[in-house]
Amino acid sequence: MRADRLLSMLMLLQTHRRLTAKKLAVELEVSERTIYRDVVALSSAGIPIFTEGGPGGGIALIEN
């Protein structure tokens, strides 16, 4: 269920600070494209989440 996955994604990001889409996809057993769709859904819901490309980048929650 999508709501469960979104909650799991948030918990993983709170625990690990920053994860790549690939790592999240493996952990949540979905495609990387689904992870990016979920990031958009969370952002649209007002969750402070962002992506950063390149080496050392990934998906993270904005602190505070």
PDB file of N, CA and C in Angstrom:
ATOM      1  N   MET A   1       0.844  -1.177   0.000  1.00  0.00           N
ATOM      2  CA  MET A   1       0.000   0.000   0.000  1.00  0.00           C
ATOM      3  C   MET A   1       0.893   1.246   0.000  1.00  0.00           C
ATOM      4  N   ARG A   2       0.500   2.244  -0.748  1.00  0.00           N
ATOM      5  CA  ARG A   2       1.317   3.434  -0.926  1.00  0.00           C
ATOM      6  C   ARG A   2       1.542   4.206   0.373  1.00  0.00           C
ATOM      7  N   ALA A   3       0.512   4.350   1.179  1.00  0.00           N
ATOM      8  CA  ALA A   3       0.658   5.097   2.429  1.00  0.00           C
ATOM      9  C   ALA A   3       1.700   4.450   3.336  1.00  0.00           C
ATOM     10  N   ASP A   4       1.706   3.129   3.389  1.00  0.00           N
ATOM     11  CA  ASP A   4       2.697   2.412   4.191  1.00  0.00           C
ATOM     12  C   ASP A   4       4.104   2.668   3.660  1.00  0.00           C
ATOM     13  N   ARG A   5       4.245   2.661   2.335  1.00  0.00           N
ATOM     14  CA  ARG A   5       5.550   2.893   1.719  1.00  0.00           C
ATOM     15  C   ARG A   5       6.041   4.302   1.994  1.00  0.00           C
ATOM     16  N   LEU A   6       5.145   5.282   1.905  1.00  0.00           N
ATOM     17  CA  LEU A   6       5.534   6.670   2.171  1.00  0.00           C
ATOM     18  C   LEU A   6       5.994   6.841   3.616  1.00  0.00           C
ATOM     19  N   LEU A   7       5.294   6.223   4.523  1.00  0.00           N
ATOM     20  CA  LEU A   7       5.682   6.281   5.931  1.00  0.00           C
ATOM     21  C   LEU A   7       7.025   5.583   6.147  1.00  0.00           C
ATOM     22  N   SER A   8       7.216   4.447   5.511  1.00  0.00           N
ATOM     23  CA  SER A   8       8.490   3.731   5.612  1.00  0.00           C
ATOM     24  C   SER A   8       9.631   4.564   5.041  1.00  0.00           C
ATOM     25  N   MET A   9       9.369   5.251   3.936  1.00  0.00           N
ATOM     26  CA  MET A   9      10.382   6.111   3.341  1.00  0.00           C
ATOM     27  C   MET A   9      10.775   7.224   4.308  1.00  0.00           C
ATOM     28  N   LEU A  10       9.806   7.843   4.932  1.00  0.00           N
ATOM     29  CA  LEU A  10      10.092   8.903   5.896  1.00  0.00           C
ATOM     30  C   LEU A  10      10.911   8.382   7.072  1.00  0.00           C
ATOM     31  N   MET A  11      10.564   7.214   7.564  1.00  0.00           N
ATOM     32  CA  MET A  11      11.306   6.638   8.695  1.00  0.00           C
ATOM     33  C   MET A  11      12.749   6.307   8.293  1.00  0.00           C
ATOM     34  N   LEU A  12      12.941   5.787   7.089  1.00  0.00           N
ATOM     35  CA  LEU A  12      14.294   5.506   6.613  1.00  0.00           C
ATOM     36  C   LEU A  12      15.115   6.792   6.489  1.00  0.00           C
ATOM     37  N   LEU A  13      14.497   7.836   5.970  1.00  0.00           N
ATOM     38  CA  LEU A  13      15.214   9.102   5.811  1.00  0.00           C
ATOM     39  C   LEU A  13      15.521   9.744   7.156  1.00  0.00           C
ATOM     40  N   GLN A  14      14.655   9.596   8.127  1.00  0.00           N
ATOM     41  CA  GLN A  14      14.931  10.122   9.460  1.00  0.00           C
ATOM     42  C   GLN A  14      16.091   9.370  10.102  1.00  0.00           C
ATOM     43  N   THR A  15      16.174   8.090   9.862  1.00  0.00           N
ATOM     44  CA  THR A  15      17.225   7.267  10.451  1.00  0.00           C
ATOM     45  C   THR A  15      18.576   7.477   9.766  1.00  0.00           C
ATOM     46  N   HIS A  16      18.566   7.528   8.440  1.00  0.00           N
ATOM     47  CA  HIS A  16      19.818   7.574   7.675  1.00  0.00           C
ATOM     48  C   HIS A  16      20.194   8.954   7.168  1.00  0.00           C
ATOM     49  N   ARG A  17      19.382   9.947   7.405  1.00  0.00           N
ATOM     50  CA  ARG A  17      19.618  11.334   6.969  1.00  0.00           C
ATOM     51  C   ARG A  17      19.497  11.518   5.456  1.00  0.00           C
ATOM     52  N   ARG A  18      20.263  10.748   4.666  1.00  0.00           N
ATOM     53  CA  ARG A  18      20.255  10.891   3.214  1.00  0.00           C
ATOM     54  C   ARG A  18      20.469   9.519   2.586  1.00  0.00           C
ATOM     55  N   LEU A  19      19.627   9.195   1.609  1.00  0.00           N
ATOM     56  CA  LEU A  19      19.753   7.930   0.892  1.00  0.00           C
ATOM     57  C   LEU A  19      19.562   8.189  -0.596  1.00  0.00           C
ATOM     58  N   THR A  20      20.169   7.353  -1.407  1.00  0.00           N
ATOM     59  CA  THR A  20      19.959   7.463  -2.847  1.00  0.00           C
ATOM     60  C   THR A  20      18.613   6.838  -3.211  1.00  0.00           C
ATOM     61  N   ALA A  21      18.113   7.216  -4.375  1.00  0.00           N
ATOM     62  CA  ALA A  21      16.862   6.625  -4.854  1.00  0.00           C
ATOM     63  C   ALA A  21      17.033   5.121  -5.035  1.00  0.00           C
ATOM     64  N   LYS A  22      18.207   4.709  -5.483  1.00  0.00           N
ATOM     65  CA  LYS A  22      18.468   3.289  -5.686  1.00  0.00           C
ATOM     66  C   LYS A  22      18.397   2.524  -4.364  1.00  0.00           C
ATOM     67  N   LYS A  23      19.011   3.063  -3.319  1.00  0.00           N
ATOM     68  CA  LYS A  23      18.990   2.402  -2.012  1.00  0.00           C
ATOM     69  C   LYS A  23      17.560   2.337  -1.460  1.00  0.00           C
ATOM     70  N   LEU A  24      16.823   3.438  -1.589  1.00  0.00           N
ATOM     71  CA  LEU A  24      15.430   3.435  -1.140  1.00  0.00           C
ATOM     72  C   LEU A  24      14.606   2.425  -1.926  1.00  0.00           C
ATOM     73  N   ALA A  25      14.836   2.358  -3.235  1.00  0.00           N
ATOM     74  CA  ALA A  25      14.095   1.419  -4.076  1.00  0.00           C
ATOM     75  C   ALA A  25      14.351  -0.021  -3.641  1.00  0.00           C
ATOM     76  N   VAL A  26      15.597  -0.336  -3.325  1.00  0.00           N
ATOM     77  CA  VAL A  26      15.927  -1.691  -2.873  1.00  0.00           C
ATOM     78  C   VAL A  26      15.260  -1.969  -1.525  1.00  0.00           C
ATOM     79  N   GLU A  27      15.371  -1.025  -0.604  1.00  0.00           N
ATOM     80  CA  GLU A  27      14.799  -1.207   0.735  1.00  0.00           C
ATOM     81  C   GLU A  27      13.279  -1.371   0.693  1.00  0.00           C
ATOM     82  N   LEU A  28      12.620  -0.608  -0.184  1.00  0.00           N
ATOM     83  CA  LEU A  28      11.158  -0.612  -0.240  1.00  0.00           C
ATOM     84  C   LEU A  28      10.596  -1.538  -1.321  1.00  0.00           C
ATOM     85  N   GLU A  29      11.491  -2.186  -2.057  1.00  0.00           N
ATOM     86  CA  GLU A  29      11.118  -3.151  -3.093  1.00  0.00           C
ATOM     87  C   GLU A  29      10.223  -2.547  -4.173  1.00  0.00           C
ATOM     88  N   VAL A  30      10.636  -1.389  -4.678  1.00  0.00           N
ATOM     89  CA  VAL A  30       9.947  -0.718  -5.782  1.00  0.00           C
ATOM     90  C   VAL A  30      11.001  -0.197  -6.755  1.00  0.00           C
ATOM     91  N   SER A  31      10.566   0.415  -7.847  1.00  0.00           N
ATOM     92  CA  SER A  31      11.507   0.976  -8.811  1.00  0.00           C
ATOM     93  C   SER A  31      11.980   2.363  -8.354  1.00  0.00           C
ATOM     94  N   GLU A  32      13.091   2.787  -8.941  1.00  0.00           N
ATOM     95  CA  GLU A  32      13.586   4.132  -8.643  1.00  0.00           C
ATOM     96  C   GLU A  32      12.574   5.187  -9.085  1.00  0.00           C
ATOM     97  N   ARG A  33      11.898   4.938 -10.191  1.00  0.00           N
ATOM     98  CA  ARG A  33      10.883   5.883 -10.677  1.00  0.00           C
ATOM     99  C   ARG A  33       9.769   6.049  -9.650  1.00  0.00           C
ATOM    100  N   THR A  34       9.377   4.963  -9.009  1.00  0.00           N
ATOM    101  CA  THR A  34       8.352   5.031  -7.960  1.00  0.00           C
ATOM    102  C   THR A  34       8.846   5.885  -6.797  1.00  0.00           C
ATOM    103  N   ILE A  35      10.114   5.763  -6.457  1.00  0.00           N
ATOM    104  CA  ILE A  35      10.685   6.575  -5.378  1.00  0.00           C
ATOM    105  C   ILE A  35      10.562   8.058  -5.727  1.00  0.00           C
ATOM    106  N   TYR A  36      10.892   8.416  -6.966  1.00  0.00           N
ATOM    107  CA  TYR A  36      10.793   9.829  -7.360  1.00  0.00           C
ATOM    108  C   TYR A  36       9.337  10.309  -7.360  1.00  0.00           C
ATOM    109  N   ARG A  37       8.417   9.454  -7.735  1.00  0.00           N
ATOM    110  CA  ARG A  37       6.991   9.811  -7.661  1.00  0.00           C
ATOM    111  C   ARG A  37       6.574  10.033  -6.203  1.00  0.00           C
ATOM    112  N   ASP A  38       7.085   9.180  -5.325  1.00  0.00           N
ATOM    113  CA  ASP A  38       6.770   9.317  -3.904  1.00  0.00           C
ATOM    114  C   ASP A  38       7.354  10.602  -3.320  1.00  0.00           C
ATOM    115  N   VAL A  39       8.540  10.989  -3.781  1.00  0.00           N
ATOM    116  CA  VAL A  39       9.140  12.249  -3.327  1.00  0.00           C
ATOM    117  C   VAL A  39       8.238  13.426  -3.717  1.00  0.00           C
ATOM    118  N   VAL A  40       7.726  13.405  -4.920  1.00  0.00           N
ATOM    119  CA  VAL A  40       6.809  14.460  -5.378  1.00  0.00           C
ATOM    120  C   VAL A  40       5.541  14.456  -4.531  1.00  0.00           C
ATOM    121  N   ALA A  41       5.013  13.274  -4.246  1.00  0.00           N
ATOM    122  CA  ALA A  41       3.792  13.172  -3.428  1.00  0.00           C
ATOM    123  C   ALA A  41       4.031  13.719  -2.022  1.00  0.00           C
ATOM    124  N   LEU A  42       5.158  13.373  -1.425  1.00  0.00           N
ATOM    125  CA  LEU A  42       5.469  13.864  -0.077  1.00  0.00           C
ATOM    126  C   LEU A  42       5.663  15.380  -0.079  1.00  0.00           C
ATOM    127  N   SER A  43       6.360  15.872  -1.071  1.00  0.00           N
ATOM    128  CA  SER A  43       6.583  17.313  -1.179  1.00  0.00           C
ATOM    129  C   SER A  43       5.261  18.058  -1.361  1.00  0.00           C
ATOM    130  N   SER A  44       4.383  17.509  -2.185  1.00  0.00           N
ATOM    131  CA  SER A  44       3.074  18.123  -2.418  1.00  0.00           C
ATOM    132  C   SER A  44       2.217  18.132  -1.156  1.00  0.00           C
ATOM    133  N   ALA A  45       2.471  17.173  -0.273  1.00  0.00           N
ATOM    134  CA  ALA A  45       1.731  17.089   0.985  1.00  0.00           C
ATOM    135  C   ALA A  45       2.334  17.979   2.070  1.00  0.00           C
ATOM    136  N   GLY A  46       3.394  18.705   1.723  1.00  0.00           N
ATOM    137  CA  GLY A  46       3.995  19.631   2.670  1.00  0.00           C
ATOM    138  C   GLY A  46       5.145  19.070   3.484  1.00  0.00           C
ATOM    139  N   ILE A  47       5.603  17.871   3.163  1.00  0.00           N
ATOM    140  CA  ILE A  47       6.748  17.282   3.851  1.00  0.00           C
ATOM    141  C   ILE A  47       8.020  17.940   3.297  1.00  0.00           C
ATOM    142  N   PRO A  48       8.889  18.438   4.162  1.00  0.00           N
ATOM    143  CA  PRO A  48      10.113  19.119   3.694  1.00  0.00           C
ATOM    144  C   PRO A  48      11.167  18.112   3.223  1.00  0.00           C
ATOM    145  N   ILE A  49      11.080  17.713   1.966  1.00  0.00           N
ATOM    146  CA  ILE A  49      11.966  16.706   1.391  1.00  0.00           C
ATOM    147  C   ILE A  49      12.605  17.286   0.139  1.00  0.00           C
ATOM    148  N   PHE A  50      13.865  16.896  -0.140  1.00  0.00           N
ATOM    149  CA  PHE A  50      14.517  17.396  -1.345  1.00  0.00           C
ATOM    150  C   PHE A  50      15.441  16.333  -1.920  1.00  0.00           C
ATOM    151  N   THR A  51      15.802  16.523  -3.181  1.00  0.00           N
ATOM    152  CA  THR A  51      16.762  15.652  -3.841  1.00  0.00           C
ATOM    153  C   THR A  51      17.958  16.489  -4.264  1.00  0.00           C
ATOM    154  N   GLU A  52      19.102  15.842  -4.287  1.00  0.00           N
ATOM    155  CA  GLU A  52      20.336  16.505  -4.730  1.00  0.00           C
ATOM    156  C   GLU A  52      21.072  15.531  -5.626  1.00  0.00           C
ATOM    157  N   GLY A  53      21.361  15.960  -6.839  1.00  0.00           N
ATOM    158  CA  GLY A  53      22.036  15.093  -7.792  1.00  0.00           C
ATOM    159  C   GLY A  53      23.542  15.071  -7.614  1.00  0.00           C
ATOM    160  N   GLY A  54      24.191  14.178  -8.335  1.00  0.00           N
ATOM    161  CA  GLY A  54      25.634  14.102  -8.345  1.00  0.00           C
ATOM    162  C   GLY A  54      26.197  13.232  -7.236  1.00  0.00           C
ATOM    163  N   PRO A  55      27.536  13.090  -7.256  1.00  0.00           N
ATOM    164  CA  PRO A  55      28.200  12.299  -6.215  1.00  0.00           C
ATOM    165  C   PRO A  55      27.927  12.877  -4.835  1.00  0.00           C
ATOM    166  N   GLY A  56      27.571  12.031  -3.907  1.00  0.00           N
ATOM    167  CA  GLY A  56      27.258  12.492  -2.566  1.00  0.00           C
ATOM    168  C   GLY A  56      25.845  13.013  -2.430  1.00  0.00           C
ATOM    169  N   GLY A  57      25.087  12.987  -3.508  1.00  0.00           N
ATOM    170  CA  GLY A  57      23.711  13.463  -3.474  1.00  0.00           C
ATOM    171  C   GLY A  57      22.783  12.387  -2.976  1.00  0.00           C
ATOM    172  N   GLY A  58      21.514  12.660  -3.077  1.00  0.00           N
ATOM    173  CA  GLY A  58      20.509  11.693  -2.649  1.00  0.00           C
ATOM    174  C   GLY A  58      19.219  12.385  -2.273  1.00  0.00           C
ATOM    175  N   ILE A  59      18.435  11.709  -1.501  1.00  0.00           N
ATOM    176  CA  ILE A  59      17.151  12.220  -1.050  1.00  0.00           C
ATOM    177  C   ILE A  59      17.238  12.401   0.458  1.00  0.00           C
ATOM    178  N   ALA A  60      16.774  13.548   0.928  1.00  0.00           N
ATOM    179  CA  ALA A  60      16.869  13.842   2.362  1.00  0.00           C
ATOM    180  C   ALA A  60      15.704  14.714   2.787  1.00  0.00           C
ATOM    181  N   LEU A  61      15.493  14.735   4.095  1.00  0.00           N
ATOM    182  CA  LEU A  61      14.515  15.630   4.684  1.00  0.00           C
ATOM    183  C   LEU A  61      15.228  16.921   5.057  1.00  0.00           C
ATOM    184  N   ILE A  62      14.556  18.037   4.901  1.00  0.00           N
ATOM    185  CA  ILE A  62      15.117  19.317   5.327  1.00  0.00           C
ATOM    186  C   ILE A  62      15.043  19.376   6.838  1.00  0.00           C
ATOM    187  N   GLU A  63      16.154  19.694   7.448  1.00  0.00           N
ATOM    188  CA  GLU A  63      16.194  19.729   8.921  1.00  0.00           C
ATOM    189  C   GLU A  63      15.379  20.897   9.450  1.00  0.00           C
ATOM    190  N   ASN A  64      14.890  20.726  10.676  1.00  0.00           N
ATOM    191  CA  ASN A  64      14.037  21.688  11.392  1.00  0.00           C
ATOM    192  C   ASN A  64      12.645  21.420  10.971  1.00  0.00           C
TER     193      ASN A  64
END
